[in-house]
Amino acid sequence: MEPRKTPPEYFLEIFADTTTVRDVLKGVLNLIFFHRYFPSIRPVTFDVLDFTLPAINDADLETLIESRVSALVRQHLSSAGGKMAKLARVGVRRSGLWFGGLAGKGEEEVCWEIWTLDVTIATPRTDSERAKVRKAMGNMLQKAALKILAVVNRDKDHIPPITTSDSNPFPYRIVVNPRTDGWGNRIGLY
């Protein structure tokens, strides 16, 4: 398999109010990781709004997701005005064996997939607005979940072969507000 010059990037629009944004983001990230996390896992479920989504029973991953989502929300709430945030999920792989290098050489981590979540946080003020926002959040979450499922079932050719017995052959990072590409508030997973 020939490595790509640029990794595929998948965009999801996320809409939530201030009271549910943490759970919505954790639910979407868990769904992505559930399908793109390759070590042996013990699946669990995550309930958000009226949906039950799959998740991974991994304390380190859960802690990482929680801390980055909290940082993004704190950053959003402390910023003046901005309602948008970006969150990217990037999987990386070690290039050693994939590029034909010898074992132990070429341990450079290379991005092979990006997930970008374009997050809008709403602040409804009336019961009528809250009802509209809740309905919109449910529609958005369903649309995002279906898009994730479509992508992970369709796009598999870019995933590098697993050439190691490490517990996690594809390391990842979640970074709050990386200062590249001119994005505003965002989280990046690298």
Protein backbone atom coordinates (compact mmCIF):
# COMPACT_ATOMS: atom_id res chain seq x y z
CA MET A 1 0.00 0.00 0.00
CA GLU A 2 1.42 3.38 -1.06
CA PRO A 3 1.33 5.97 1.77
CA ARG A 4 -0.75 9.09 1.09
CA LYS A 5 0.85 12.52 1.05
CA THR A 6 -2.07 14.00 2.99
CA PRO A 7 -4.27 12.01 5.32
CA PRO A 8 -8.02 11.92 4.73
CA GLU A 9 -9.93 14.43 6.83
CA TYR A 10 -13.51 13.95 7.93
CA PHE A 11 -15.69 16.86 9.08
CA LEU A 12 -18.57 16.67 11.53
CA GLU A 13 -20.78 19.55 12.62
CA ILE A 14 -21.61 19.46 16.32
CA PHE A 15 -24.30 21.60 17.93
CA ALA A 16 -24.97 21.58 21.66
CA ASP A 17 -26.04 23.83 24.47
CA THR A 18 -23.81 24.72 27.40
CA THR A 19 -25.36 22.07 29.65
CA THR A 20 -24.85 19.10 27.30
CA VAL A 21 -21.81 20.07 25.17
CA ARG A 22 -19.42 17.98 27.30
CA ASP A 23 -21.54 14.83 26.99
CA VAL A 24 -22.19 15.36 23.27
CA LEU A 25 -18.48 15.79 22.53
CA LYS A 26 -17.53 12.80 24.69
CA GLY A 27 -20.18 10.71 22.94
CA VAL A 28 -18.95 11.63 19.46
CA LEU A 29 -15.29 11.10 20.38
CA ASN A 30 -16.07 7.74 21.97
CA LEU A 31 -17.91 6.68 18.83
CA ILE A 32 -14.93 7.62 16.64
CA PHE A 33 -12.46 5.89 18.94
CA PHE A 34 -14.69 2.82 19.20
CA HIS A 35 -14.26 2.31 15.45
CA ARG A 36 -10.65 3.48 15.08
CA TYR A 37 -8.98 2.20 18.27
CA PHE A 38 -7.21 -1.04 17.45
CA PRO A 39 -6.09 -2.63 20.74
CA SER A 40 -8.32 -5.22 22.34
CA ILE A 41 -11.16 -3.39 24.00
CA ARG A 42 -13.97 -4.01 26.40
CA PRO A 43 -16.96 -2.17 24.95
CA VAL A 44 -19.32 -0.17 27.12
CA THR A 45 -22.11 2.24 26.29
CA PHE A 46 -22.39 6.00 26.69
CA ASP A 47 -25.81 7.64 26.97
CA VAL A 48 -26.24 11.15 25.65
CA LEU A 49 -29.53 12.88 24.86
CA ASP A 50 -31.81 10.02 23.73
CA PHE A 51 -28.98 7.96 22.22
CA THR A 52 -26.88 5.09 23.48
CA LEU A 53 -23.48 5.11 21.79
CA PRO A 54 -20.64 2.60 22.00
CA ALA A 55 -17.58 3.55 24.02
CA ILE A 56 -14.31 2.01 25.13
CA ASN A 57 -13.65 0.92 28.71
CA ASP A 58 -10.16 2.44 28.94
CA ALA A 59 -9.43 4.73 31.90
CA ASP A 60 -6.52 6.51 30.21
CA LEU A 61 -8.50 7.29 27.06
CA GLU A 62 -11.53 8.38 29.11
CA THR A 63 -9.35 10.70 31.22
CA LEU A 64 -7.72 12.17 28.11
CA ILE A 65 -11.06 12.80 26.39
CA GLU A 66 -12.54 14.34 29.57
CA SER A 67 -9.59 16.68 30.11
CA ARG A 68 -9.48 17.91 26.52
CA VAL A 69 -13.25 18.41 26.26
CA SER A 70 -13.20 20.32 29.56
CA ALA A 71 -10.32 22.49 28.32
CA LEU A 72 -12.21 23.27 25.11
CA VAL A 73 -15.38 24.22 26.99
CA ARG A 74 -13.42 26.34 29.51
CA GLN A 75 -11.67 28.08 26.64
CA HIS A 76 -14.96 28.73 24.87
CA LEU A 77 -16.67 30.06 27.99
CA SER A 78 -13.76 32.38 28.79
CA SER A 79 -13.49 33.77 25.24
CA ALA A 80 -15.37 36.91 24.32
CA GLY A 81 -17.95 36.23 21.69
CA GLY A 82 -16.66 33.22 19.75
CA LYS A 83 -19.24 30.44 19.40
CA MET A 84 -17.15 28.12 17.23
CA ALA A 85 -14.61 25.54 18.24
CA LYS A 86 -12.72 22.95 16.24
CA LEU A 87 -11.84 19.48 17.35
CA ALA A 88 -9.74 17.12 15.26
CA ARG A 89 -9.17 13.39 15.73
CA VAL A 90 -5.95 12.31 14.12
CA GLY A 91 -4.60 8.80 14.15
CA VAL A 92 -0.88 8.34 13.68
CA ARG A 93 1.24 5.34 12.86
CA ARG A 94 4.87 4.56 13.14
CA SER A 95 6.46 4.57 9.74
CA GLY A 96 9.26 2.02 10.32
CA LEU A 97 8.00 -1.20 8.74
CA TRP A 98 5.29 0.43 6.64
CA PHE A 99 7.85 2.35 4.62
CA GLY A 100 10.04 -0.72 4.37
CA GLY A 101 12.53 0.42 7.02
CA LEU A 102 14.25 -1.97 9.34
CA ALA A 103 12.74 -2.68 12.74
CA GLY A 104 13.74 0.01 15.22
CA LYS A 105 14.40 2.57 12.50
CA GLY A 106 11.99 5.08 11.09
CA GLU A 107 9.94 5.38 14.26
CA GLU A 108 8.53 8.69 13.06
CA GLU A 109 4.84 9.08 13.83
CA VAL A 110 2.84 9.85 10.71
CA CYS A 111 -0.73 11.06 10.60
CA TRP A 112 -3.06 8.70 8.73
CA GLU A 113 -6.51 10.14 9.51
CA ILE A 114 -8.07 13.36 10.80
CA TRP A 115 -11.52 13.93 12.28
CA THR A 116 -12.55 17.57 12.61
CA LEU A 117 -15.55 18.52 14.71
CA ASP A 118 -16.92 21.98 14.04
CA VAL A 119 -18.58 22.77 17.36
CA THR A 120 -21.24 25.42 17.91
CA ILE A 121 -22.33 26.02 21.49
CA ALA A 122 -25.81 27.49 21.93
CA THR A 123 -27.14 29.40 24.93
CA PRO A 124 -30.95 29.15 24.83
CA ARG A 125 -32.75 31.60 27.11
CA THR A 126 -36.38 30.50 27.03
CA ASP A 127 -38.19 27.17 27.32
CA SER A 128 -39.17 27.45 23.66
CA GLU A 129 -35.53 28.00 22.63
CA ARG A 130 -34.39 25.10 24.84
CA ALA A 131 -36.90 22.76 23.16
CA LYS A 132 -35.71 23.83 19.69
CA VAL A 133 -32.06 23.44 20.67
CA ARG A 134 -32.67 19.98 22.17
CA LYS A 135 -34.38 18.83 18.96
CA ALA A 136 -31.53 20.27 16.87
CA MET A 137 -28.94 18.55 19.11
CA GLY A 138 -30.68 15.20 18.68
CA ASN A 139 -30.82 15.62 14.90
CA MET A 140 -27.17 16.67 14.78
CA LEU A 141 -26.04 13.75 16.96
CA GLN A 142 -27.93 11.26 14.81
CA LYS A 143 -26.48 12.77 11.62
CA ALA A 144 -22.93 12.75 13.08
CA ALA A 145 -23.25 9.12 14.24
CA LEU A 146 -24.51 7.99 10.83
CA LYS A 147 -21.69 9.86 9.08
CA ILE A 148 -19.08 8.26 11.36
CA LEU A 149 -20.51 4.81 10.65
CA ALA A 150 -20.57 5.47 6.91
CA VAL A 151 -16.94 6.66 6.90
CA VAL A 152 -15.52 3.83 9.02
CA ASN A 153 -17.34 1.21 6.98
CA ARG A 154 -16.38 2.75 3.64
CA ASP A 155 -12.88 4.20 4.12
CA LYS A 156 -10.40 1.56 5.24
CA ASP A 157 -7.69 1.59 2.57
CA HIS A 158 -5.68 4.36 4.25
CA ILE A 159 -5.31 2.46 7.54
CA PRO A 160 -1.78 1.10 7.71
CA PRO A 161 -1.19 -2.58 8.46
CA ILE A 162 -0.57 -3.51 12.06
CA THR A 163 3.08 -4.55 12.16
CA THR A 164 3.69 -4.59 15.90
CA SER A 165 2.47 -6.48 18.91
CA ASP A 166 2.31 -3.27 20.97
CA SER A 167 -0.94 -2.88 22.88
CA ASN A 168 -1.74 0.20 20.77
CA PRO A 169 -0.14 0.03 17.31
CA PHE A 170 -1.38 3.52 16.38
CA PRO A 171 -0.67 6.16 18.99
CA TYR A 172 -2.82 9.29 19.10
CA ARG A 173 -2.79 12.71 20.71
CA ILE A 174 -5.54 15.12 21.63
CA VAL A 175 -4.35 18.73 21.63
CA VAL A 176 -6.46 21.71 22.67
CA ASN A 177 -6.30 24.65 20.29
CA PRO A 178 -3.27 23.82 18.15
CA ARG A 179 -1.92 27.02 16.61
CA THR A 180 -1.83 25.89 12.98
CA ASP A 181 -4.02 26.29 9.91
CA GLY A 182 -5.56 29.48 11.30
CA TRP A 183 -8.30 27.65 13.23
CA GLY A 184 -9.95 29.34 16.18
CA ASN A 185 -10.75 27.34 19.31
CA ARG A 186 -10.26 23.63 18.67
CA ILE A 187 -8.98 20.35 19.95
CA GLY A 188 -6.67 18.29 17.79
CA LEU A 189 -6.03 14.60 18.18
CA TYR A 190 -2.62 13.69 16.86
